[in-house]
Protein backbone atom coordinates (compact mmCIF):
# COMPACT_ATOMS: atom_id res chain seq x y z
CA MET A 1 11.28 -27.30 19.44
CA LYS A 2 12.66 -24.32 17.55
CA LYS A 3 11.29 -23.75 14.18
CA THR A 4 14.65 -23.68 12.66
CA THR A 5 15.45 -27.03 14.22
CA ALA A 6 12.21 -28.43 12.98
CA LEU A 7 13.13 -27.45 9.40
CA ARG A 8 16.60 -28.92 9.89
CA GLN A 9 14.89 -32.14 10.58
CA MET A 10 12.81 -31.88 7.58
CA LEU A 11 16.02 -31.39 5.67
CA SER A 12 17.78 -34.30 7.10
CA GLY A 13 14.73 -36.77 6.73
CA SER A 14 13.81 -38.93 3.88
CA ASP A 15 10.38 -37.10 3.05
CA ILE A 16 9.77 -34.33 0.65
CA HIS A 17 7.87 -31.25 1.93
CA VAL A 18 5.33 -28.98 0.19
CA ALA A 19 5.22 -25.43 1.20
CA PRO A 20 2.35 -23.13 -0.26
CA GLY A 21 3.00 -19.68 -0.91
CA VAL A 22 1.38 -17.17 1.60
CA TYR A 23 1.47 -13.49 1.69
CA ASP A 24 -0.06 -12.24 4.99
CA GLY A 25 -1.17 -13.42 8.37
CA MET A 26 -4.51 -14.66 7.21
CA THR A 27 -3.18 -16.89 4.42
CA ALA A 28 -0.35 -18.10 6.73
CA ARG A 29 -3.00 -19.17 9.30
CA LEU A 30 -5.05 -20.81 6.54
CA ALA A 31 -2.13 -22.83 5.40
CA GLU A 32 -1.33 -24.06 8.89
CA GLN A 33 -4.90 -24.88 9.52
CA ALA A 34 -5.03 -26.90 6.34
CA GLY A 35 -2.41 -29.21 7.75
CA PHE A 36 0.74 -28.02 6.07
CA LYS A 37 3.98 -28.37 8.14
CA LEU A 38 5.95 -25.84 6.19
CA ILE A 39 5.05 -22.39 4.80
CA TYR A 40 6.67 -20.28 2.05
CA ALA A 41 6.48 -16.57 2.38
CA SER A 42 6.43 -15.60 -1.33
CA GLY A 43 8.01 -12.20 -2.10
CA GLY A 44 6.05 -12.11 -5.38
CA ALA A 45 2.83 -12.70 -3.67
CA ILE A 46 3.59 -10.17 -0.98
CA ALA A 47 4.40 -7.55 -3.65
CA ARG A 48 1.36 -8.30 -5.63
CA SER A 49 -0.90 -8.12 -2.38
CA CYS A 50 0.38 -4.64 -2.06
CA GLY A 51 -0.73 -3.89 -5.52
CA PHE A 52 2.66 -4.04 -7.26
CA PRO A 53 4.30 -6.45 -9.65
CA ASP A 54 7.14 -8.76 -8.62
CA ILE A 55 10.04 -6.65 -9.94
CA GLY A 56 11.76 -5.62 -6.78
CA MET A 57 9.57 -2.67 -5.72
CA LEU A 58 8.97 -3.56 -2.19
CA SER A 59 11.42 -2.42 0.36
CA PHE A 60 13.27 -4.58 2.92
CA SER A 61 11.09 -3.21 5.83
CA GLU A 62 7.84 -3.73 3.97
CA VAL A 63 8.69 -7.49 3.42
CA LEU A 64 10.04 -7.83 6.98
CA HIS A 65 6.74 -6.50 8.41
CA ARG A 66 4.70 -9.08 6.63
CA LEU A 67 7.09 -11.84 7.84
CA GLU A 68 6.66 -10.68 11.39
CA GLN A 69 2.90 -10.85 11.09
CA MET A 70 3.05 -14.55 9.60
CA VAL A 71 5.46 -15.74 12.36
CA GLU A 72 3.40 -14.21 15.03
CA VAL A 73 0.14 -16.17 14.09
CA THR A 74 1.63 -19.58 13.13
CA GLN A 75 3.79 -22.34 14.69
CA VAL A 76 5.27 -24.00 11.67
CA PRO A 77 8.58 -23.24 10.05
CA ILE A 78 8.50 -20.49 7.32
CA ILE A 79 10.74 -20.17 4.38
CA ALA A 80 11.29 -16.52 3.46
CA ASP A 81 12.01 -15.09 0.11
CA ALA A 82 14.77 -12.56 0.63
CA ASP A 83 15.09 -11.75 -3.16
CA THR A 84 18.73 -10.51 -3.61
CA GLY A 85 19.12 -9.57 -0.07
CA PHE A 86 17.89 -6.19 -0.98
CA GLY A 87 21.07 -4.88 -2.23
CA ASN A 88 24.83 -5.71 -1.94
CA ALA A 89 26.60 -7.77 0.72
CA ILE A 90 26.05 -5.24 3.42
CA ASN A 91 22.41 -5.36 2.82
CA VAL A 92 22.52 -9.24 2.83
CA SER A 93 24.09 -9.21 6.25
CA ARG A 94 21.21 -7.03 7.58
CA THR A 95 18.58 -8.96 5.78
CA VAL A 96 19.77 -12.34 7.30
CA LYS A 97 20.01 -10.86 10.85
CA ALA A 98 16.55 -9.21 10.68
CA PHE A 99 14.83 -12.21 9.16
CA GLU A 100 16.26 -14.54 11.66
CA ARG A 101 15.27 -12.24 14.48
CA ALA A 102 11.80 -12.16 12.90
CA GLY A 103 11.61 -15.89 13.47
CA VAL A 104 11.66 -17.41 10.03
CA ALA A 105 13.35 -20.79 9.74
CA ALA A 106 15.03 -20.31 6.38
CA LEU A 107 15.52 -17.82 3.50
CA HIS A 108 16.56 -17.91 -0.12
CA LEU A 109 18.87 -15.51 -1.74
CA GLU A 110 19.06 -15.22 -5.57
CA ASP A 111 21.72 -14.31 -8.00
CA GLN A 112 19.77 -11.66 -10.00
CA THR A 113 20.80 -8.06 -10.19
CA PHE A 114 18.99 -5.69 -7.99
CA PRO A 115 16.14 -4.76 -8.51
CA LYS A 116 15.08 -8.35 -9.51
CA ARG A 117 12.16 -9.63 -11.08
CA CYS A 118 9.94 -12.72 -10.94
CA GLY A 119 11.82 -15.85 -12.00
CA HIS A 120 9.34 -16.72 -14.63
CA LEU A 121 9.42 -13.34 -16.35
CA ASN A 122 11.80 -12.58 -19.23
CA ASP A 123 14.84 -10.49 -19.48
CA LYS A 124 16.49 -11.21 -16.11
CA SER A 125 20.18 -10.24 -15.38
CA LEU A 126 22.70 -11.82 -13.03
CA VAL A 127 25.54 -10.69 -10.79
CA SER A 128 28.82 -12.56 -11.24
CA THR A 129 29.27 -15.96 -9.71
CA GLN A 130 32.12 -14.21 -7.53
CA GLU A 131 29.60 -11.69 -6.17
CA MET A 132 26.98 -14.22 -5.35
CA VAL A 133 29.56 -16.46 -3.63
CA HIS A 134 30.53 -13.36 -1.52
CA LYS A 135 26.92 -12.79 -0.57
CA ILE A 136 26.41 -16.30 0.47
CA ARG A 137 29.57 -16.35 2.67
CA VAL A 138 28.37 -13.02 4.30
CA ALA A 139 24.97 -14.54 4.76
CA LYS A 140 26.34 -17.46 6.66
CA ASP A 141 28.61 -15.41 8.83
CA SER A 142 25.70 -13.23 9.75
CA GLN A 143 23.64 -16.03 11.12
CA THR A 144 23.46 -16.62 14.94
CA ASP A 145 21.37 -19.75 15.01
CA PRO A 146 23.26 -22.76 13.58
CA ASP A 147 19.95 -24.31 12.57
CA PHE A 148 18.94 -21.50 10.35
CA THR A 149 18.87 -22.74 6.74
CA LEU A 150 20.48 -20.74 3.75
CA ILE A 151 19.04 -21.51 0.42
CA ALA A 152 20.77 -20.12 -2.73
CA ARG A 153 18.66 -19.62 -5.77
CA THR A 154 20.06 -19.23 -9.27
CA ASP A 155 18.15 -17.87 -12.20
CA ALA A 156 20.92 -18.88 -14.67
CA ILE A 157 19.06 -21.16 -16.78
CA ALA A 158 17.12 -18.40 -18.65
CA VAL A 159 20.29 -16.02 -18.72
CA GLU A 160 23.39 -18.15 -19.17
CA GLY A 161 22.02 -21.54 -19.93
CA PHE A 162 21.70 -24.90 -18.03
CA ASP A 163 25.37 -25.71 -17.74
CA ALA A 164 26.18 -22.33 -16.21
CA ALA A 165 23.24 -22.94 -13.69
CA MET A 166 24.90 -26.15 -12.62
CA GLU A 167 28.31 -24.44 -12.27
CA ARG A 168 26.86 -21.69 -10.19
CA SER A 169 25.03 -24.06 -7.97
CA HIS A 170 28.17 -26.07 -7.11
CA ALA A 171 29.87 -22.68 -6.30
CA TYR A 172 27.09 -21.63 -4.01
CA LEU A 173 27.24 -24.83 -2.13
CA ALA A 174 30.96 -24.67 -1.74
CA ALA A 175 30.43 -21.17 -0.28
CA GLY A 176 28.19 -22.49 2.45
CA ALA A 177 24.56 -22.80 0.98
CA ASP A 178 22.60 -25.56 2.76
CA VAL A 179 20.08 -25.97 -0.19
CA ILE A 180 20.11 -25.05 -3.88
CA PHE A 181 17.11 -23.70 -5.67
CA VAL A 182 17.57 -23.74 -9.65
CA GLU A 183 14.70 -21.53 -10.69
CA ALA A 184 12.61 -22.01 -13.74
CA PRO A 185 13.86 -25.44 -15.45
CA GLU A 186 12.03 -25.46 -18.66
CA THR A 187 11.72 -29.34 -19.23
CA VAL A 188 11.24 -32.52 -17.28
CA GLU A 189 14.63 -33.51 -18.62
CA GLN A 190 16.22 -30.43 -16.92
CA ILE A 191 14.50 -31.15 -13.66
CA GLU A 192 16.00 -34.70 -13.91
CA LEU A 193 19.40 -33.28 -14.77
CA ILE A 194 19.54 -31.00 -11.84
CA ALA A 195 18.92 -33.91 -9.57
CA LYS A 196 21.64 -35.89 -11.30
CA HIS A 197 24.27 -33.14 -10.98
CA ILE A 198 23.34 -31.92 -7.64
CA LYS A 199 23.18 -34.61 -4.96
CA GLN A 200 22.92 -31.87 -2.03
CA PRO A 201 19.47 -30.81 -0.82
CA LYS A 202 17.27 -29.08 -3.39
CA LEU A 203 14.19 -26.91 -3.53
CA ILE A 204 11.97 -26.65 -6.68
CA ASN A 205 9.24 -24.23 -7.56
CA MET A 206 6.04 -25.87 -8.86
CA PHE A 207 3.15 -24.00 -10.08
CA HIS A 208 0.59 -24.26 -12.93
CA SER A 209 1.31 -22.07 -16.13
CA GLY A 210 4.80 -21.20 -15.31
CA LYS A 211 8.05 -22.03 -17.31
CA THR A 212 8.50 -25.32 -15.38
CA PRO A 213 6.36 -28.32 -16.21
CA LEU A 214 4.43 -29.83 -13.33
CA VAL A 215 6.02 -32.98 -11.95
CA SER A 216 4.35 -35.16 -9.32
CA LYS A 217 5.47 -34.86 -5.66
CA ASP A 218 6.33 -38.62 -5.71
CA ARG A 219 8.68 -38.31 -8.72
CA LEU A 220 10.31 -35.20 -7.28
CA GLN A 221 10.94 -37.20 -4.06
CA ALA A 222 12.48 -40.06 -6.04
CA LEU A 223 14.71 -37.68 -7.78
CA GLY A 224 15.90 -36.32 -4.44
CA TYR A 225 14.25 -33.09 -3.97
CA LYS A 226 13.61 -31.99 -0.46
CA PHE A 227 11.27 -29.02 -0.66
CA ILE A 228 8.55 -28.01 -3.13
CA ILE A 229 7.27 -24.37 -3.11
CA ILE A 230 3.94 -23.23 -4.78
CA PRO A 231 4.33 -19.61 -4.51
CA SER A 232 1.39 -18.12 -6.33
CA ASP A 233 -1.59 -20.56 -6.41
CA LEU A 234 -3.23 -19.53 -3.30
CA GLN A 235 -3.10 -16.00 -4.40
CA ARG A 236 -4.40 -16.66 -7.87
CA ALA A 237 -7.24 -18.48 -6.42
CA THR A 238 -7.97 -15.64 -4.10
CA ILE A 239 -7.97 -13.18 -7.00
CA HIS A 240 -10.51 -15.28 -8.93
CA ALA A 241 -12.88 -15.56 -5.79
CA CYS A 242 -12.63 -11.78 -5.29
CA GLN A 243 -13.40 -10.98 -8.86
CA HIS A 244 -16.43 -13.25 -8.67
CA THR A 245 -17.69 -11.87 -5.48
CA LEU A 246 -17.09 -8.25 -6.69
CA ARG A 247 -19.03 -8.78 -9.89
CA THR A 248 -21.98 -10.33 -7.85
CA ILE A 249 -22.32 -7.35 -5.49
CA LEU A 250 -21.95 -5.02 -8.32
CA GLU A 251 -24.68 -6.53 -10.25
CA GLN A 252 -27.02 -7.54 -7.56
CA GLY A 253 -26.30 -5.06 -4.68
CA ASP A 254 -25.28 -7.82 -2.16
CA SER A 255 -23.66 -11.29 -1.95
CA GLY A 256 -26.65 -13.30 -0.92
CA SER A 257 -26.89 -15.40 -4.01
CA ILE A 258 -23.29 -16.69 -3.42
CA ALA A 259 -23.44 -17.10 0.32
CA GLU A 260 -22.63 -20.74 0.09
CA GLN A 261 -19.43 -20.01 -1.61
CA MET A 262 -18.10 -17.88 1.35
CA VAL A 263 -17.25 -18.74 4.94
CA SER A 264 -19.75 -17.56 7.37
CA PHE A 265 -19.22 -14.76 9.83
CA ALA A 266 -18.71 -17.29 12.65
CA GLU A 267 -16.22 -19.43 10.58
CA ARG A 268 -14.16 -16.35 9.77
CA GLU A 269 -13.91 -15.56 13.42
CA ARG A 270 -12.87 -19.14 14.23
CA ILE A 271 -10.15 -19.05 11.75
CA ILE A 272 -8.76 -15.86 13.12
CA ASN A 273 -9.07 -17.25 16.82
CA THR A 274 -11.11 -14.13 17.89
CA GLN A 275 -12.51 -15.84 21.08
CA ALA A 276 -8.93 -16.51 22.36
CA TYR A 277 -8.08 -12.99 22.16
CA LEU A 278 -11.30 -11.80 23.77
CA ASP A 279 -10.65 -14.39 26.61
CA LEU A 280 -7.33 -12.44 27.41
CA ASP A 281 -9.42 -9.38 28.17
CA LEU A 282 -11.48 -11.17 30.89
CA GLY A 283 -8.84 -11.97 33.38
CA TYR A 284 -8.81 -8.71 35.34
């Protein structure tokens, strides 16, 4: 089954699906091996893995290269963060075509101005509803796979208020978006009101210490949300583990005292599937 079709089946089913945020081939492999049936390629996490903040500094080609790596080493559908489409409607068309060719199952476009910034940072700004509607129509027209899923994100709560976010969401759905992603609701009441006002499929961003309060998976499912993305938790855990290991090596000269906190050499090679690659070299 195509990955795009698999995602469409998730969209039409009754379950809610959690997608952890990954940022390279290794973390994509780990998420799949952990049992997740859906992965989120976080633009913010990809940027930070390159050493830059999530403020629109990475280019289209840099993000695309990461997506290609993730798709190559996994079998589950991937939702890709396409930011603003990396520019105007012309850029959106190219982004959709390239992301689809890369093999992701879905992408989300947001209504911030370019360059954008993390949805949980302050001082965001938006394009007009009319411009975003045009981008969505161009994105739909640029698809070749009818099962490819277009997710429209609005950051309007922080800029124009909750009511404007609902108006934009309905306009984006009317333009052809398959799923709505209202970024950074600030209260449980807002999360519930989004579900009340928008009956179509919805995605929500859930992570600890952001602007949005944590709500249980079961409650979100009851409210009608289809997808939960958790963009940065894996990266934040990785940062903590790296800092701890680096301190130990700096102080002690090696990592022997924390060996039990690390995977073994053999386990690392199993995760990366080294033997299967080596076996390919034995066939001549």
